[in-house]
Amino acid sequence: MEMSRERFEELVGDALDEVPEELLALMSNVVILVEDDPPPGEDLLGLYEGHALTERGWDYAGVLPDRILIYRNPILCICDDDEDVVDEVAVTVVHEIAHHFGIDDARLHELGWG
């Protein structure tokens, strides 16, 4: 599956538009970025790097923003058409936002987002 980076970034933006505003308002000190590929040797569609909201204490200050990375090429590789990409981007964005809120992979799988 091929898709321009610009179109892929639009789909990430569309996925964010579908996240309830109440949740987006609770997100703190986090940036969402699109990268072409994960680090070498990693088999990832997305990655959350940082300190989940549930782990932040009184000493959380002066740190760089957390990062949610959405990896374009791995997502495109597992999709057959535009509709598949839209769905996979949406699932990946929700998955990584959940990590920002302290929800781990095991719980996401229980909830059907794994």
PDB file of N, CA and C in Angstrom:
ATOM      1  N   MET A   1       0.844  -1.175   0.000  1.00  0.00           N
ATOM      2  CA  MET A   1       0.000   0.000   0.000  1.00  0.00           C
ATOM      3  C   MET A   1       0.889   1.237   0.000  1.00  0.00           C
ATOM      4  N   GLU A   2       0.595   2.185  -0.849  1.00  0.00           N
ATOM      5  CA  GLU A   2       1.351   3.434  -0.879  1.00  0.00           C
ATOM      6  C   GLU A   2       0.429   4.594  -0.556  1.00  0.00           C
ATOM      7  N   MET A   3       1.008   5.596   0.120  1.00  0.00           N
ATOM      8  CA  MET A   3       0.261   6.789   0.479  1.00  0.00           C
ATOM      9  C   MET A   3       1.277   7.880   0.804  1.00  0.00           C
ATOM     10  N   SER A   4       0.986   9.096   0.380  1.00  0.00           N
ATOM     11  CA  SER A   4       1.907  10.194   0.660  1.00  0.00           C
ATOM     12  C   SER A   4       1.944  10.485   2.161  1.00  0.00           C
ATOM     13  N   ARG A   5       3.046  11.031   2.578  1.00  0.00           N
ATOM     14  CA  ARG A   5       3.185  11.398   3.986  1.00  0.00           C
ATOM     15  C   ARG A   5       2.119  12.415   4.378  1.00  0.00           C
ATOM     16  N   GLU A   6       1.832  13.357   3.470  1.00  0.00           N
ATOM     17  CA  GLU A   6       0.837  14.388   3.762  1.00  0.00           C
ATOM     18  C   GLU A   6      -0.529  13.770   4.011  1.00  0.00           C
ATOM     19  N   ARG A   7      -0.936  12.821   3.162  1.00  0.00           N
ATOM     20  CA  ARG A   7      -2.232  12.159   3.338  1.00  0.00           C
ATOM     21  C   ARG A   7      -2.249  11.358   4.634  1.00  0.00           C
ATOM     22  N   PHE A   8      -1.153  10.674   4.922  1.00  0.00           N
ATOM     23  CA  PHE A   8      -1.070   9.891   6.155  1.00  0.00           C
ATOM     24  C   PHE A   8      -1.207  10.809   7.372  1.00  0.00           C
ATOM     25  N   GLU A   9      -0.526  11.940   7.343  1.00  0.00           N
ATOM     26  CA  GLU A   9      -0.626  12.891   8.456  1.00  0.00           C
ATOM     27  C   GLU A   9      -2.052  13.411   8.603  1.00  0.00           C
ATOM     28  N   GLU A  10      -2.752  13.594   7.491  1.00  0.00           N
ATOM     29  CA  GLU A  10      -4.161  13.994   7.552  1.00  0.00           C
ATOM     30  C   GLU A  10      -4.983  12.934   8.274  1.00  0.00           C
ATOM     31  N   LEU A  11      -4.701  11.665   7.991  1.00  0.00           N
ATOM     32  CA  LEU A  11      -5.435  10.589   8.644  1.00  0.00           C
ATOM     33  C   LEU A  11      -5.161  10.550  10.146  1.00  0.00           C
ATOM     34  N   VAL A  12      -3.941  10.854  10.549  1.00  0.00           N
ATOM     35  CA  VAL A  12      -3.630  10.942  11.976  1.00  0.00           C
ATOM     36  C   VAL A  12      -4.443  12.087  12.593  1.00  0.00           C
ATOM     37  N   GLY A  13      -4.495  13.216  11.903  1.00  0.00           N
ATOM     38  CA  GLY A  13      -5.308  14.335  12.381  1.00  0.00           C
ATOM     39  C   GLY A  13      -6.776  13.975  12.465  1.00  0.00           C
ATOM     40  N   ASP A  14      -7.275  13.248  11.464  1.00  0.00           N
ATOM     41  CA  ASP A  14      -8.669  12.800  11.477  1.00  0.00           C
ATOM     42  C   ASP A  14      -8.927  11.878  12.666  1.00  0.00           C
ATOM     43  N   ALA A  15      -7.981  10.989  12.954  1.00  0.00           N
ATOM     44  CA  ALA A  15      -8.130  10.071  14.093  1.00  0.00           C
ATOM     45  C   ALA A  15      -8.192  10.865  15.395  1.00  0.00           C
ATOM     46  N   LEU A  16      -7.362  11.899  15.500  1.00  0.00           N
ATOM     47  CA  LEU A  16      -7.392  12.741  16.704  1.00  0.00           C
ATOM     48  C   LEU A  16      -8.719  13.477  16.832  1.00  0.00           C
ATOM     49  N   ASP A  17      -9.293  13.862  15.696  1.00  0.00           N
ATOM     50  CA  ASP A  17     -10.586  14.546  15.721  1.00  0.00           C
ATOM     51  C   ASP A  17     -11.690  13.646  16.265  1.00  0.00           C
ATOM     52  N   GLU A  18     -11.493  12.335  16.184  1.00  0.00           N
ATOM     53  CA  GLU A  18     -12.494  11.385  16.666  1.00  0.00           C
ATOM     54  C   GLU A  18     -12.366  11.085  18.161  1.00  0.00           C
ATOM     55  N   VAL A  19     -11.249  11.492  18.755  1.00  0.00           N
ATOM     56  CA  VAL A  19     -11.064  11.286  20.196  1.00  0.00           C
ATOM     57  C   VAL A  19     -11.963  12.288  20.919  1.00  0.00           C
ATOM     58  N   PRO A  20     -12.720  11.825  21.906  1.00  0.00           N
ATOM     59  CA  PRO A  20     -13.605  12.754  22.627  1.00  0.00           C
ATOM     60  C   PRO A  20     -12.851  13.965  23.166  1.00  0.00           C
ATOM     61  N   GLU A  21     -13.446  15.120  22.991  1.00  0.00           N
ATOM     62  CA  GLU A  21     -12.820  16.369  23.412  1.00  0.00           C
ATOM     63  C   GLU A  21     -12.452  16.361  24.895  1.00  0.00           C
ATOM     64  N   GLU A  22     -13.271  15.682  25.701  1.00  0.00           N
ATOM     65  CA  GLU A  22     -12.995  15.616  27.138  1.00  0.00           C
ATOM     66  C   GLU A  22     -11.653  14.929  27.407  1.00  0.00           C
ATOM     67  N   LEU A  23     -11.336  13.896  26.608  1.00  0.00           N
ATOM     68  CA  LEU A  23     -10.056  13.211  26.777  1.00  0.00           C
ATOM     69  C   LEU A  23      -8.898  14.061  26.279  1.00  0.00           C
ATOM     70  N   LEU A  24      -9.088  14.683  25.119  1.00  0.00           N
ATOM     71  CA  LEU A  24      -8.018  15.541  24.587  1.00  0.00           C
ATOM     72  C   LEU A  24      -7.686  16.658  25.571  1.00  0.00           C
ATOM     73  N   ALA A  25      -8.696  17.182  26.243  1.00  0.00           N
ATOM     74  CA  ALA A  25      -8.476  18.266  27.202  1.00  0.00           C
ATOM     75  C   ALA A  25      -7.635  17.799  28.391  1.00  0.00           C
ATOM     76  N   LEU A  26      -7.686  16.512  28.690  1.00  0.00           N
ATOM     77  CA  LEU A  26      -6.928  15.968  29.812  1.00  0.00           C
ATOM     78  C   LEU A  26      -5.481  15.634  29.456  1.00  0.00           C
ATOM     79  N   MET A  27      -5.190  15.566  28.163  1.00  0.00           N
ATOM     80  CA  MET A  27      -3.821  15.257  27.748  1.00  0.00           C
ATOM     81  C   MET A  27      -2.924  16.436  28.112  1.00  0.00           C
ATOM     82  N   SER A  28      -1.750  16.110  28.649  1.00  0.00           N
ATOM     83  CA  SER A  28      -0.878  17.158  29.149  1.00  0.00           C
ATOM     84  C   SER A  28       0.574  16.904  28.739  1.00  0.00           C
ATOM     85  N   ASN A  29       1.191  17.927  28.175  1.00  0.00           N
ATOM     86  CA  ASN A  29       2.606  17.895  27.833  1.00  0.00           C
ATOM     87  C   ASN A  29       2.950  16.704  26.941  1.00  0.00           C
ATOM     88  N   VAL A  30       2.205  16.582  25.839  1.00  0.00           N
ATOM     89  CA  VAL A  30       2.432  15.478  24.900  1.00  0.00           C
ATOM     90  C   VAL A  30       2.283  16.003  23.477  1.00  0.00           C
ATOM     91  N   VAL A  31       3.118  15.503  22.583  1.00  0.00           N
ATOM     92  CA  VAL A  31       3.067  15.859  21.168  1.00  0.00           C
ATOM     93  C   VAL A  31       2.893  14.572  20.361  1.00  0.00           C
ATOM     94  N   ILE A  32       2.143  14.661  19.275  1.00  0.00           N
ATOM     95  CA  ILE A  32       1.915  13.503  18.415  1.00  0.00           C
ATOM     96  C   ILE A  32       2.629  13.755  17.091  1.00  0.00           C
ATOM     97  N   LEU A  33       3.495  12.808  16.712  1.00  0.00           N
ATOM     98  CA  LEU A  33       4.331  12.956  15.524  1.00  0.00           C
ATOM     99  C   LEU A  33       4.195  11.746  14.612  1.00  0.00           C
ATOM    100  N   VAL A  34       4.402  11.971  13.327  1.00  0.00           N
ATOM    101  CA  VAL A  34       4.461  10.887  12.359  1.00  0.00           C
ATOM    102  C   VAL A  34       5.929  10.696  11.971  1.00  0.00           C
ATOM    103  N   GLU A  35       6.370   9.443  12.037  1.00  0.00           N
ATOM    104  CA  GLU A  35       7.707   9.080  11.586  1.00  0.00           C
ATOM    105  C   GLU A  35       7.525   8.004  10.521  1.00  0.00           C
ATOM    106  N   ASP A  36       8.469   7.899   9.608  1.00  0.00           N
ATOM    107  CA  ASP A  36       8.361   6.875   8.573  1.00  0.00           C
ATOM    108  C   ASP A  36       8.536   5.476   9.142  1.00  0.00           C
ATOM    109  N   ASP A  37       9.546   5.274   9.981  1.00  0.00           N
ATOM    110  CA  ASP A  37       9.877   3.943  10.477  1.00  0.00           C
ATOM    111  C   ASP A  37      10.232   3.967  11.949  1.00  0.00           C
ATOM    112  N   PRO A  38       9.996   2.851  12.639  1.00  0.00           N
ATOM    113  CA  PRO A  38      10.434   2.738  14.031  1.00  0.00           C
ATOM    114  C   PRO A  38      11.946   2.552  14.085  1.00  0.00           C
ATOM    115  N   PRO A  39      12.514   2.581  15.281  1.00  0.00           N
ATOM    116  CA  PRO A  39      13.952   2.319  15.398  1.00  0.00           C
ATOM    117  C   PRO A  39      14.299   0.954  14.817  1.00  0.00           C
ATOM    118  N   PRO A  40      15.528   0.805  14.292  1.00  0.00           N
ATOM    119  CA  PRO A  40      15.950  -0.478  13.715  1.00  0.00           C
ATOM    120  C   PRO A  40      15.722  -1.627  14.689  1.00  0.00           C
ATOM    121  N   GLY A  41      15.177  -2.712  14.158  1.00  0.00           N
ATOM    122  CA  GLY A  41      14.940  -3.891  14.968  1.00  0.00           C
ATOM    123  C   GLY A  41      13.621  -3.891  15.723  1.00  0.00           C
ATOM    124  N   GLU A  42      12.898  -2.790  15.672  1.00  0.00           N
ATOM    125  CA  GLU A  42      11.609  -2.701  16.371  1.00  0.00           C
ATOM    126  C   GLU A  42      10.474  -2.948  15.394  1.00  0.00           C
ATOM    127  N   ASP A  43       9.502  -3.724  15.805  1.00  0.00           N
ATOM    128  CA  ASP A  43       8.335  -4.039  14.984  1.00  0.00           C
ATOM    129  C   ASP A  43       7.131  -3.329  15.603  1.00  0.00           C
ATOM    130  N   LEU A  44       7.002  -2.038  15.316  1.00  0.00           N
ATOM    131  CA  LEU A  44       5.989  -1.205  15.961  1.00  0.00           C
ATOM    132  C   LEU A  44       5.173  -0.427  14.943  1.00  0.00           C
ATOM    133  N   LEU A  45       3.912  -0.190  15.290  1.00  0.00           N
ATOM    134  CA  LEU A  45       3.061   0.712  14.506  1.00  0.00           C
ATOM    135  C   LEU A  45       3.037   2.094  15.144  1.00  0.00           C
ATOM    136  N   GLY A  46       3.242   2.136  16.445  1.00  0.00           N
ATOM    137  CA  GLY A  46       3.255   3.389  17.185  1.00  0.00           C
ATOM    138  C   GLY A  46       4.027   3.194  18.468  1.00  0.00           C
ATOM    139  N   LEU A  47       4.339   4.312  19.125  1.00  0.00           N
ATOM    140  CA  LEU A  47       5.106   4.249  20.366  1.00  0.00           C
ATOM    141  C   LEU A  47       4.770   5.453  21.226  1.00  0.00           C
ATOM    142  N   TYR A  48       4.610   5.202  22.514  1.00  0.00           N
ATOM    143  CA  TYR A  48       4.460   6.284  23.485  1.00  0.00           C
ATOM    144  C   TYR A  48       5.750   6.385  24.273  1.00  0.00           C
ATOM    145  N   GLU A  49       6.361   7.558  24.284  1.00  0.00           N
ATOM    146  CA  GLU A  49       7.586   7.794  25.051  1.00  0.00           C
ATOM    147  C   GLU A  49       7.305   8.895  26.048  1.00  0.00           C
ATOM    148  N   GLY A  50       7.504   8.604  27.306  1.00  0.00           N
ATOM    149  CA  GLY A  50       7.314   9.644  28.309  1.00  0.00           C
ATOM    150  C   GLY A  50       6.835   9.085  29.624  1.00  0.00           C
ATOM    151  N   HIS A  51       6.181   9.946  30.382  1.00  0.00           N
ATOM    152  CA  HIS A  51       5.676   9.620  31.710  1.00  0.00           C
ATOM    153  C   HIS A  51       4.154   9.693  31.672  1.00  0.00           C
ATOM    154  N   ALA A  52       3.514   8.538  31.805  1.00  0.00           N
ATOM    155  CA  ALA A  52       2.060   8.503  31.795  1.00  0.00           C
ATOM    156  C   ALA A  52       1.507   9.424  32.873  1.00  0.00           C
ATOM    157  N   LEU A  53       0.318   9.941  32.648  1.00  0.00           N
ATOM    158  CA  LEU A  53      -0.305  10.836  33.615  1.00  0.00           C
ATOM    159  C   LEU A  53      -0.396  10.191  34.994  1.00  0.00           C
ATOM    160  N   THR A  54      -0.593   8.886  35.032  1.00  0.00           N
ATOM    161  CA  THR A  54      -0.718   8.176  36.307  1.00  0.00           C
ATOM    162  C   THR A  54       0.609   8.050  37.049  1.00  0.00           C
ATOM    163  N   GLU A  55       1.714   8.333  36.368  1.00  0.00           N
ATOM    164  CA  GLU A  55       3.044   8.232  36.989  1.00  0.00           C
ATOM    165  C   GLU A  55       3.615   9.590  37.376  1.00  0.00           C
ATOM    166  N   ARG A  56       2.928  10.636  37.040  1.00  0.00           N
ATOM    167  CA  ARG A  56       3.449  11.971  37.323  1.00  0.00           C
ATOM    168  C   ARG A  56       3.124  12.366  38.756  1.00  0.00           C
ATOM    169  N   GLY A  57       4.144  12.813  39.432  1.00  0.00           N
ATOM    170  CA  GLY A  57       3.954  13.222  40.821  1.00  0.00           C
ATOM    171  C   GLY A  57       4.265  14.699  41.002  1.00  0.00           C
ATOM    172  N   TRP A  58       4.439  15.085  42.240  1.00  0.00           N
ATOM    173  CA  TRP A  58       4.704  16.477  42.572  1.00  0.00           C
ATOM    174  C   TRP A  58       5.999  16.975  41.956  1.00  0.00           C
ATOM    175  N   ASP A  59       6.925  16.061  41.661  1.00  0.00           N
ATOM    176  CA  ASP A  59       8.223  16.455  41.122  1.00  0.00           C
ATOM    177  C   ASP A  59       8.250  16.478  39.593  1.00  0.00           C
ATOM    178  N   TYR A  60       7.090  16.302  38.952  1.00  0.00           N
ATOM    179  CA  TYR A  60       7.036  16.342  37.490  1.00  0.00           C
ATOM    180  C   TYR A  60       6.990  17.798  37.049  1.00  0.00           C
ATOM    181  N   ALA A  61       8.113  18.289  36.581  1.00  0.00           N
ATOM    182  CA  ALA A  61       8.187  19.674  36.108  1.00  0.00           C
ATOM    183  C   ALA A  61       9.433  19.848  35.250  1.00  0.00           C
ATOM    184  N   GLY A  62       9.345  20.766  34.312  1.00  0.00           N
ATOM    185  CA  GLY A  62      10.494  21.118  33.500  1.00  0.00           C
ATOM    186  C   GLY A  62      10.991  20.012  32.583  1.00  0.00           C
ATOM    187  N   VAL A  63      10.113  19.094  32.205  1.00  0.00           N
ATOM    188  CA  VAL A  63      10.533  18.006  31.327  1.00  0.00           C
ATOM    189  C   VAL A  63      10.049  18.272  29.903  1.00  0.00           C
ATOM    190  N   LEU A  64      10.748  17.682  28.960  1.00  0.00           N
ATOM    191  CA  LEU A  64      10.321  17.788  27.570  1.00  0.00           C
ATOM    192  C   LEU A  64       8.979  17.085  27.401  1.00  0.00           C
ATOM    193  N   PRO A  65       8.205  17.478  26.396  1.00  0.00           N
ATOM    194  CA  PRO A  65       6.911  16.816  26.190  1.00  0.00           C
ATOM    195  C   PRO A  65       7.069  15.328  25.905  1.00  0.00           C
ATOM    196  N   ASP A  66       6.093  14.559  26.375  1.00  0.00           N
ATOM    197  CA  ASP A  66       6.002  13.162  25.983  1.00  0.00           C
ATOM    198  C   ASP A  66       5.781  13.132  24.482  1.00  0.00           C
ATOM    199  N   ARG A  67       6.078  11.987  23.876  1.00  0.00           N
ATOM    200  CA  ARG A  67       5.897  11.860  22.426  1.00  0.00           C
ATOM    201  C   ARG A  67       5.075  10.626  22.110  1.00  0.00           C
ATOM    202  N   ILE A  68       4.107  10.820  21.243  1.00  0.00           N
ATOM    203  CA  ILE A  68       3.398   9.707  20.630  1.00  0.00           C
ATOM    204  C   ILE A  68       3.861   9.691  19.187  1.00  0.00           C
ATOM    205  N   LEU A  69       4.462   8.568  18.809  1.00  0.00           N
ATOM    206  CA  LEU A  69       4.980   8.410  17.453  1.00  0.00           C
ATOM    207  C   LEU A  69       4.095   7.419  16.707  1.00  0.00           C
ATOM    208  N   ILE A  70       3.656   7.800  15.523  1.00  0.00           N
ATOM    209  CA  ILE A  70       2.880   6.930  14.660  1.00  0.00           C
ATOM    210  C   ILE A  70       3.762   6.629  13.454  1.00  0.00           C
ATOM    211  N   TYR A  71       4.023   5.337  13.213  1.00  0.00           N
ATOM    212  CA  TYR A  71       4.960   4.934  12.176  1.00  0.00           C
ATOM    213  C   TYR A  71       4.231   4.609  10.868  1.00  0.00           C
ATOM    214  N   ARG A  72       4.506   5.415   9.869  1.00  0.00           N
ATOM    215  CA  ARG A  72       3.794   5.351   8.589  1.00  0.00           C
ATOM    216  C   ARG A  72       4.059   4.055   7.817  1.00  0.00           C
ATOM    217  N   ASN A  73       5.299   3.734   7.563  1.00  0.00           N
ATOM    218  CA  ASN A  73       5.606   2.583   6.706  1.00  0.00           C
ATOM    219  C   ASN A  73       5.099   1.251   7.253  1.00  0.00           C
ATOM    220  N   PRO A  74       5.272   0.948   8.547  1.00  0.00           N
ATOM    221  CA  PRO A  74       4.727  -0.314   9.048  1.00  0.00           C
ATOM    222  C   PRO A  74       3.200  -0.403   8.929  1.00  0.00           C
ATOM    223  N   ILE A  75       2.526   0.709   9.144  1.00  0.00           N
ATOM    224  CA  ILE A  75       1.067   0.696   9.001  1.00  0.00           C
ATOM    225  C   ILE A  75       0.693   0.448   7.546  1.00  0.00           C
ATOM    226  N   LEU A  76       1.356   1.147   6.631  1.00  0.00           N
ATOM    227  CA  LEU A  76       1.048   0.951   5.218  1.00  0.00           C
ATOM    228  C   LEU A  76       1.333  -0.486   4.771  1.00  0.00           C
ATOM    229  N   CYS A  77       2.359  -1.109   5.349  1.00  0.00           N
ATOM    230  CA  CYS A  77       2.728  -2.473   4.970  1.00  0.00           C
ATOM    231  C   CYS A  77       1.663  -3.501   5.344  1.00  0.00           C
ATOM    232  N   ILE A  78       0.882  -3.247   6.387  1.00  0.00           N
ATOM    233  CA  ILE A  78      -0.109  -4.242   6.811  1.00  0.00           C
ATOM    234  C   ILE A  78      -1.505  -3.936   6.279  1.00  0.00           C
ATOM    235  N   CYS A  79      -1.642  -2.876   5.495  1.00  0.00           N
ATOM    236  CA  CYS A  79      -2.949  -2.476   4.991  1.00  0.00           C
ATOM    237  C   CYS A  79      -3.080  -2.748   3.495  1.00  0.00           C
ATOM    238  N   ASP A  80      -4.310  -3.069   3.076  1.00  0.00           N
ATOM    239  CA  ASP A  80      -4.576  -3.366   1.672  1.00  0.00           C
ATOM    240  C   ASP A  80      -5.137  -2.189   0.895  1.00  0.00           C
ATOM    241  N   ASP A  81      -5.816  -1.269   1.603  1.00  0.00           N
ATOM    242  CA  ASP A  81      -6.434  -0.141   0.912  1.00  0.00           C
ATOM    243  C   ASP A  81      -6.582   1.038   1.874  1.00  0.00           C
ATOM    244  N   ASP A  82      -7.098   2.150   1.346  1.00  0.00           N
ATOM    245  CA  ASP A  82      -7.239   3.363   2.154  1.00  0.00           C
ATOM    246  C   ASP A  82      -8.081   3.137   3.405  1.00  0.00           C
ATOM    247  N   GLU A  83      -9.139   2.369   3.259  1.00  0.00           N
ATOM    248  CA  GLU A  83     -10.020   2.115   4.404  1.00  0.00           C
ATOM    249  C   GLU A  83      -9.271   1.393   5.521  1.00  0.00           C
ATOM    250  N   ASP A  84      -8.436   0.425   5.151  1.00  0.00           N
ATOM    251  CA  ASP A  84      -7.619  -0.268   6.146  1.00  0.00           C
ATOM    252  C   ASP A  84      -6.676   0.705   6.851  1.00  0.00           C
ATOM    253  N   VAL A  85      -6.086   1.621   6.092  1.00  0.00           N
ATOM    254  CA  VAL A  85      -5.167   2.597   6.690  1.00  0.00           C
ATOM    255  C   VAL A  85      -5.914   3.485   7.665  1.00  0.00           C
ATOM    256  N   VAL A  86      -7.084   3.972   7.279  1.00  0.00           N
ATOM    257  CA  VAL A  86      -7.892   4.816   8.165  1.00  0.00           C
ATOM    258  C   VAL A  86      -8.154   4.077   9.475  1.00  0.00           C
ATOM    259  N   ASP A  87      -8.581   2.819   9.376  1.00  0.00           N
ATOM    260  CA  ASP A  87      -8.891   2.030  10.572  1.00  0.00           C
ATOM    261  C   ASP A  87      -7.656   1.795  11.429  1.00  0.00           C
ATOM    262  N   GLU A  88      -6.546   1.415  10.801  1.00  0.00           N
ATOM    263  CA  GLU A  88      -5.330   1.098  11.566  1.00  0.00           C
ATOM    264  C   GLU A  88      -4.746   2.341  12.222  1.00  0.00           C
ATOM    265  N   VAL A  89      -4.777   3.464  11.520  1.00  0.00           N
ATOM    266  CA  VAL A  89      -4.293   4.714  12.121  1.00  0.00           C
ATOM    267  C   VAL A  89      -5.144   5.057  13.333  1.00  0.00           C
ATOM    268  N   ALA A  90      -6.454   4.933  13.223  1.00  0.00           N
ATOM    269  CA  ALA A  90      -7.348   5.253  14.339  1.00  0.00           C
ATOM    270  C   ALA A  90      -7.049   4.361  15.547  1.00  0.00           C
ATOM    271  N   VAL A  91      -6.891   3.068  15.305  1.00  0.00           N
ATOM    272  CA  VAL A  91      -6.602   2.139  16.401  1.00  0.00           C
ATOM    273  C   VAL A  91      -5.248   2.454  17.030  1.00  0.00           C
ATOM    274  N   THR A  92      -4.250   2.734  16.205  1.00  0.00           N
ATOM    275  CA  THR A  92      -2.909   3.016  16.720  1.00  0.00           C
ATOM    276  C   THR A  92      -2.890   4.312  17.527  1.00  0.00           C
ATOM    277  N   VAL A  93      -3.563   5.341  17.048  1.00  0.00           N
ATOM    278  CA  VAL A  93      -3.624   6.611  17.782  1.00  0.00           C
ATOM    279  C   VAL A  93      -4.296   6.401  19.140  1.00  0.00           C
ATOM    280  N   VAL A  94      -5.427   5.715  19.167  1.00  0.00           N
ATOM    281  CA  VAL A  94      -6.125   5.456  20.432  1.00  0.00           C
ATOM    282  C   VAL A  94      -5.238   4.635  21.365  1.00  0.00           C
ATOM    283  N   HIS A  95      -4.568   3.634  20.823  1.00  0.00           N
ATOM    284  CA  HIS A  95      -3.684   2.773  21.610  1.00  0.00           C
ATOM    285  C   HIS A  95      -2.594   3.595  22.309  1.00  0.00           C
ATOM    286  N   GLU A  96      -1.946   4.474  21.567  1.00  0.00           N
ATOM    287  CA  GLU A  96      -0.846   5.254  22.146  1.00  0.00           C
ATOM    288  C   GLU A  96      -1.364   6.328  23.106  1.00  0.00           C
ATOM    289  N   ILE A  97      -2.508   6.912  22.819  1.00  0.00           N
ATOM    290  CA  ILE A  97      -3.109   7.876  23.764  1.00  0.00           C
ATOM    291  C   ILE A  97      -3.449   7.162  25.070  1.00  0.00           C
ATOM    292  N   ALA A  98      -3.926   5.934  24.966  1.00  0.00           N
ATOM    293  CA  ALA A  98      -4.235   5.162  26.173  1.00  0.00           C
ATOM    294  C   ALA A  98      -2.997   5.002  27.049  1.00  0.00           C
ATOM    295  N   HIS A  99      -1.841   4.787  26.439  1.00  0.00           N
ATOM    296  CA  HIS A  99      -0.605   4.694  27.221  1.00  0.00           C
ATOM    297  C   HIS A  99      -0.331   6.007  27.954  1.00  0.00           C
ATOM    298  N   HIS A 100      -0.634   7.126  27.339  1.00  0.00           N
ATOM    299  CA  HIS A 100      -0.467   8.428  27.988  1.00  0.00           C
ATOM    300  C   HIS A 100      -1.307   8.501  29.263  1.00  0.00           C
ATOM    301  N   PHE A 101      -2.457   7.835  29.250  1.00  0.00           N
ATOM    302  CA  PHE A 101      -3.337   7.818  30.415  1.00  0.00           C
ATOM    303  C   PHE A 101      -3.017   6.672  31.376  1.00  0.00           C
ATOM    304  N   GLY A 102      -1.935   5.942  31.095  1.00  0.00           N
ATOM    305  CA  GLY A 102      -1.490   4.900  32.015  1.00  0.00           C
ATOM    306  C   GLY A 102      -2.110   3.536  31.787  1.00  0.00           C
ATOM    307  N   ILE A 103      -2.758   3.336  30.658  1.00  0.00           N
ATOM    308  CA  ILE A 103      -3.371   2.043  30.351  1.00  0.00           C
ATOM    309  C   ILE A 103      -2.328   1.184  29.627  1.00  0.00           C
ATOM    310  N   ASP A 104      -2.032   0.015  30.185  1.00  0.00           N
ATOM    311  CA  ASP A 104      -0.981  -0.823  29.594  1.00  0.00           C
ATOM    312  C   ASP A 104      -1.541  -1.738  28.502  1.00  0.00           C
ATOM    313  N   ASP A 105      -0.632  -2.420  27.806  1.00  0.00           N
ATOM    314  CA  ASP A 105      -1.023  -3.282  26.685  1.00  0.00           C
ATOM    315  C   ASP A 105      -1.986  -4.380  27.102  1.00  0.00           C
ATOM    316  N   ALA A 106      -1.762  -4.978  28.260  1.00  0.00           N
ATOM    317  CA  ALA A 106      -2.638  -6.064  28.708  1.00  0.00           C
ATOM    318  C   ALA A 106      -4.081  -5.562  28.844  1.00  0.00           C
ATOM    319  N   ARG A 107      -4.257  -4.405  29.452  1.00  0.00           N
ATOM    320  CA  ARG A 107      -5.610  -3.858  29.616  1.00  0.00           C
ATOM    321  C   ARG A 107      -6.203  -3.460  28.272  1.00  0.00           C
ATOM    322  N   LEU A 108      -5.396  -2.904  27.374  1.00  0.00           N
ATOM    323  CA  LEU A 108      -5.885  -2.555  26.046  1.00  0.00           C
ATOM    324  C   LEU A 108      -6.369  -3.789  25.297  1.00  0.00           C
ATOM    325  N   HIS A 109      -5.652  -4.896  25.426  1.00  0.00           N
ATOM    326  CA  HIS A 109      -6.077  -6.141  24.792  1.00  0.00           C
ATOM    327  C   HIS A 109      -7.414  -6.609  25.377  1.00  0.00           C
ATOM    328  N   GLU A 110      -7.558  -6.502  26.699  1.00  0.00           N
ATOM    329  CA  GLU A 110      -8.828  -6.866  27.338  1.00  0.00           C
ATOM    330  C   GLU A 110      -9.982  -6.027  26.794  1.00  0.00           C
ATOM    331  N   LEU A 111      -9.688  -4.767  26.501  1.00  0.00           N
ATOM    332  CA  LEU A 111     -10.722  -3.843  26.011  1.00  0.00           C
ATOM    333  C   LEU A 111     -10.953  -3.949  24.512  1.00  0.00           C
ATOM    334  N   GLY A 112     -10.154  -4.790  23.839  1.00  0.00           N
ATOM    335  CA  GLY A 112     -10.316  -4.974  22.397  1.00  0.00           C
ATOM    336  C   GLY A 112      -9.538  -4.012  21.546  1.00  0.00           C
ATOM    337  N   TRP A 113      -8.560  -3.314  22.120  1.00  0.00           N
ATOM    338  CA  TRP A 113      -7.754  -2.342  21.372  1.00  0.00           C
ATOM    339  C   TRP A 113      -6.345  -2.855  21.133  1.00  0.00           C
ATOM    340  N   GLY A 114      -6.119  -4.117  21.272  1.00  0.00           N
ATOM    341  CA  GLY A 114      -4.779  -4.662  21.151  1.00  0.00           C
ATOM    342  C   GLY A 114      -4.444  -5.076  19.789  1.00  0.00           C
TER     343      GLY A 114
END
